[in-house]
């Protein structure tokens, strides 16, 4: 019995190494730069653009303000998933964030929940998901899908990391 176990152990180890490595090849293109470490730090939202949408057609994002009101906002993201964003006017919002791999669409997404005093992130069920177009650790582009006249358009957020 010991001999069978000694023979199977190396075979199982090799199989698990090959199966773990094969998953890396199948990552979607959007996965580039989508590691948690690339998000940690303080970011400034430099620009809001519209893809398939008219400027002004989206009145509110993140249940808070018009998209352009977020230009110049700072987003502080910690490795623990805690974070806070602050608009130019001084309004701040505590968040809990993570990176989500949507296997259906094949995209990686930046997701966050608004956290209010006394809330535990695990108890908050509503949140927001933005498609990660790019994150190289210094610049980041996120797209938020919006239904507009029966079609999907996107609000595109461009960030730069504060040094």
Protein backbone atom coordinates (compact mmCIF):
# COMPACT_ATOMS: atom_id res chain seq x y z
CA UNK A 1 0.00 0.00 0.00
CA UNK A 2 2.87 2.37 0.84
CA UNK A 3 4.47 1.67 -2.55
CA UNK A 4 1.26 2.61 -4.39
CA UNK A 5 1.03 5.86 -2.41
CA UNK A 6 4.70 6.66 -3.12
CA UNK A 7 4.09 6.08 -6.84
CA UNK A 8 0.82 8.07 -7.02
CA UNK A 9 2.03 11.11 -5.08
CA UNK A 10 4.55 12.32 -7.71
CA UNK A 11 2.08 11.59 -10.54
CA UNK A 12 -0.66 13.63 -8.82
CA UNK A 13 1.80 16.46 -8.16
CA UNK A 14 2.75 16.62 -11.86
CA UNK A 15 -0.91 16.53 -12.92
CA UNK A 16 -1.83 19.36 -10.58
CA UNK A 17 1.11 21.49 -11.77
CA UNK A 18 0.08 21.05 -15.43
CA UNK A 19 -3.59 21.72 -14.72
CA UNK A 20 -2.74 24.86 -12.72
CA UNK A 21 -0.51 26.20 -15.49
CA UNK A 22 -3.00 25.45 -18.26
CA UNK A 23 -5.56 27.76 -16.63
CA UNK A 24 -3.19 30.70 -17.01
CA UNK A 25 -3.22 30.37 -20.80
CA UNK A 26 -7.01 30.69 -20.88
CA UNK A 27 -7.24 34.02 -19.07
CA UNK A 28 -9.15 36.65 -21.04
CA UNK A 29 -7.22 39.57 -22.54
CA UNK A 30 -8.93 41.86 -20.03
CA UNK A 31 -7.17 39.97 -17.23
CA UNK A 32 -3.93 41.81 -18.02
CA UNK A 33 -3.15 44.05 -15.09
CA UNK A 34 -6.15 42.87 -13.11
CA UNK A 35 -4.22 41.62 -10.11
CA UNK A 36 -5.24 43.02 -6.76
CA UNK A 37 -1.81 44.57 -6.21
CA UNK A 38 -2.20 46.79 -9.27
CA UNK A 39 -5.19 48.50 -7.62
CA UNK A 40 -3.68 49.22 -4.21
CA UNK A 41 -2.81 52.88 -3.68
CA UNK A 42 -4.33 56.30 -4.23
CA UNK A 43 -5.82 57.05 -7.65
CA UNK A 44 -7.16 60.23 -9.22
CA UNK A 45 -10.00 60.07 -11.73
CA UNK A 46 -8.72 62.29 -14.57
CA UNK A 47 -11.36 61.90 -17.25
CA UNK A 48 -14.85 60.60 -17.91
CA UNK A 49 -15.70 59.69 -21.50
CA UNK A 50 -18.75 58.17 -23.15
CA UNK A 51 -18.75 55.23 -25.55
CA UNK A 52 -22.08 54.80 -27.34
CA UNK A 53 -23.68 57.44 -25.13
CA UNK A 54 -24.27 61.16 -25.46
CA UNK A 55 -22.64 63.39 -22.85
CA UNK A 56 -25.34 64.28 -20.34
CA UNK A 57 -27.43 61.19 -21.06
CA UNK A 58 -26.36 59.57 -17.78
CA UNK A 59 -27.68 61.58 -14.86
CA UNK A 60 -26.35 59.58 -11.91
CA UNK A 61 -23.59 57.03 -11.34
CA UNK A 62 -23.01 55.00 -8.20
CA UNK A 63 -26.34 56.37 -6.94
CA UNK A 64 -24.57 59.61 -6.07
CA UNK A 65 -23.85 62.20 -8.77
CA UNK A 66 -23.40 62.84 -12.50
CA UNK A 67 -20.35 61.14 -14.00
CA UNK A 68 -18.50 64.43 -14.55
CA UNK A 69 -18.80 65.22 -10.82
CA UNK A 70 -16.31 62.38 -10.24
CA UNK A 71 -13.57 64.04 -12.34
CA UNK A 72 -10.75 64.91 -9.93
CA UNK A 73 -12.01 62.52 -7.25
CA UNK A 74 -9.44 60.48 -5.35
CA UNK A 75 -9.83 56.77 -4.67
CA UNK A 76 -7.78 55.23 -1.87
CA UNK A 77 -7.70 51.44 -2.13
CA UNK A 78 -5.99 49.21 0.44
CA UNK A 79 -4.89 45.62 -0.01
CA UNK A 80 -7.47 44.53 2.58
CA UNK A 81 -10.31 45.62 0.27
CA UNK A 82 -11.18 48.70 2.27
CA UNK A 83 -11.27 51.98 0.45
CA UNK A 84 -12.70 55.45 0.22
CA UNK A 85 -13.37 57.85 -2.61
CA UNK A 86 -13.60 61.60 -2.17
CA UNK A 87 -15.24 63.97 -4.63
CA UNK A 88 -13.83 67.47 -5.26
CA UNK A 89 -16.49 69.02 -3.04
CA UNK A 90 -15.25 66.97 -0.09
CA UNK A 91 -18.00 64.33 -0.08
CA UNK A 92 -16.45 60.98 0.87
CA UNK A 93 -17.76 57.46 0.60
CA UNK A 94 -16.31 54.39 2.30
CA UNK A 95 -16.24 51.31 0.06
CA UNK A 96 -15.22 47.68 0.09
CA UNK A 97 -13.68 46.59 -3.23
CA UNK A 98 -12.40 43.50 -5.04
CA UNK A 99 -11.58 42.16 -8.49
CA UNK A 100 -14.22 39.84 -9.93
CA UNK A 101 -13.67 37.41 -12.81
CA UNK A 102 -16.93 37.20 -14.77
CA UNK A 103 -16.65 33.82 -16.48
CA UNK A 104 -19.80 34.46 -18.54
CA UNK A 105 -18.54 37.64 -20.24
CA UNK A 106 -14.87 36.69 -20.00
CA UNK A 107 -14.00 40.00 -18.37
CA UNK A 108 -12.38 40.96 -15.12
CA UNK A 109 -14.28 43.60 -13.22
CA UNK A 110 -13.57 46.07 -10.46
CA UNK A 111 -16.44 45.76 -8.01
CA UNK A 112 -17.26 47.76 -4.94
CA UNK A 113 -19.93 48.18 -2.30
CA UNK A 114 -20.73 51.38 -0.45
CA UNK A 115 -20.21 50.89 3.27
CA UNK A 116 -21.99 53.07 5.80
CA UNK A 117 -21.25 53.37 9.51
CA UNK A 118 -22.12 50.12 11.26
CA UNK A 119 -22.27 48.08 8.02
CA UNK A 120 -20.23 44.94 7.58
CA UNK A 121 -19.23 44.42 3.92
CA UNK A 122 -20.52 40.83 4.01
CA UNK A 123 -24.01 42.13 4.85
CA UNK A 124 -24.16 44.66 1.99
CA UNK A 125 -25.73 43.05 -1.08
CA UNK A 126 -25.85 46.00 -3.49
CA UNK A 127 -22.81 47.21 -5.35
CA UNK A 128 -21.27 48.21 -8.65
CA UNK A 129 -19.15 46.43 -11.26
CA UNK A 130 -16.96 48.15 -13.84
CA UNK A 131 -15.15 46.30 -16.62
CA UNK A 132 -11.37 46.56 -16.35
CA UNK A 133 -10.02 47.73 -19.71
CA UNK A 134 -6.52 48.40 -18.42
CA UNK A 135 -4.52 48.60 -15.23
CA UNK A 136 -0.73 48.68 -15.48
CA UNK A 137 -0.23 49.87 -11.90
CA UNK A 138 0.12 53.52 -12.98
CA UNK A 139 -2.92 54.11 -15.16
CA UNK A 140 -6.30 52.43 -15.07
CA UNK A 141 -9.34 52.50 -17.35
CA UNK A 142 -12.70 51.15 -16.17
CA UNK A 143 -15.95 50.98 -18.17
CA UNK A 144 -19.42 50.97 -16.66
CA UNK A 145 -22.17 49.52 -18.89
CA UNK A 146 -25.32 51.63 -19.19
CA UNK A 147 -28.56 50.75 -20.98
CA UNK A 148 -29.36 53.60 -23.38
CA UNK A 149 -32.29 53.42 -25.80
CA UNK A 150 -32.24 49.63 -25.74
CA UNK A 151 -28.50 49.41 -26.43
CA UNK A 152 -25.50 49.16 -24.15
CA UNK A 153 -23.20 52.16 -23.94
CA UNK A 154 -20.37 52.78 -21.51
CA UNK A 155 -19.22 55.47 -19.15
CA UNK A 156 -15.40 55.24 -19.33
CA UNK A 157 -13.33 56.29 -16.32
CA UNK A 158 -9.60 57.04 -16.73
CA UNK A 159 -7.43 57.09 -13.59
CA UNK A 160 -3.80 57.78 -12.82
CA UNK A 161 -2.02 56.59 -9.71
CA UNK A 162 -0.69 59.22 -7.32
CA UNK A 163 3.01 58.84 -6.60
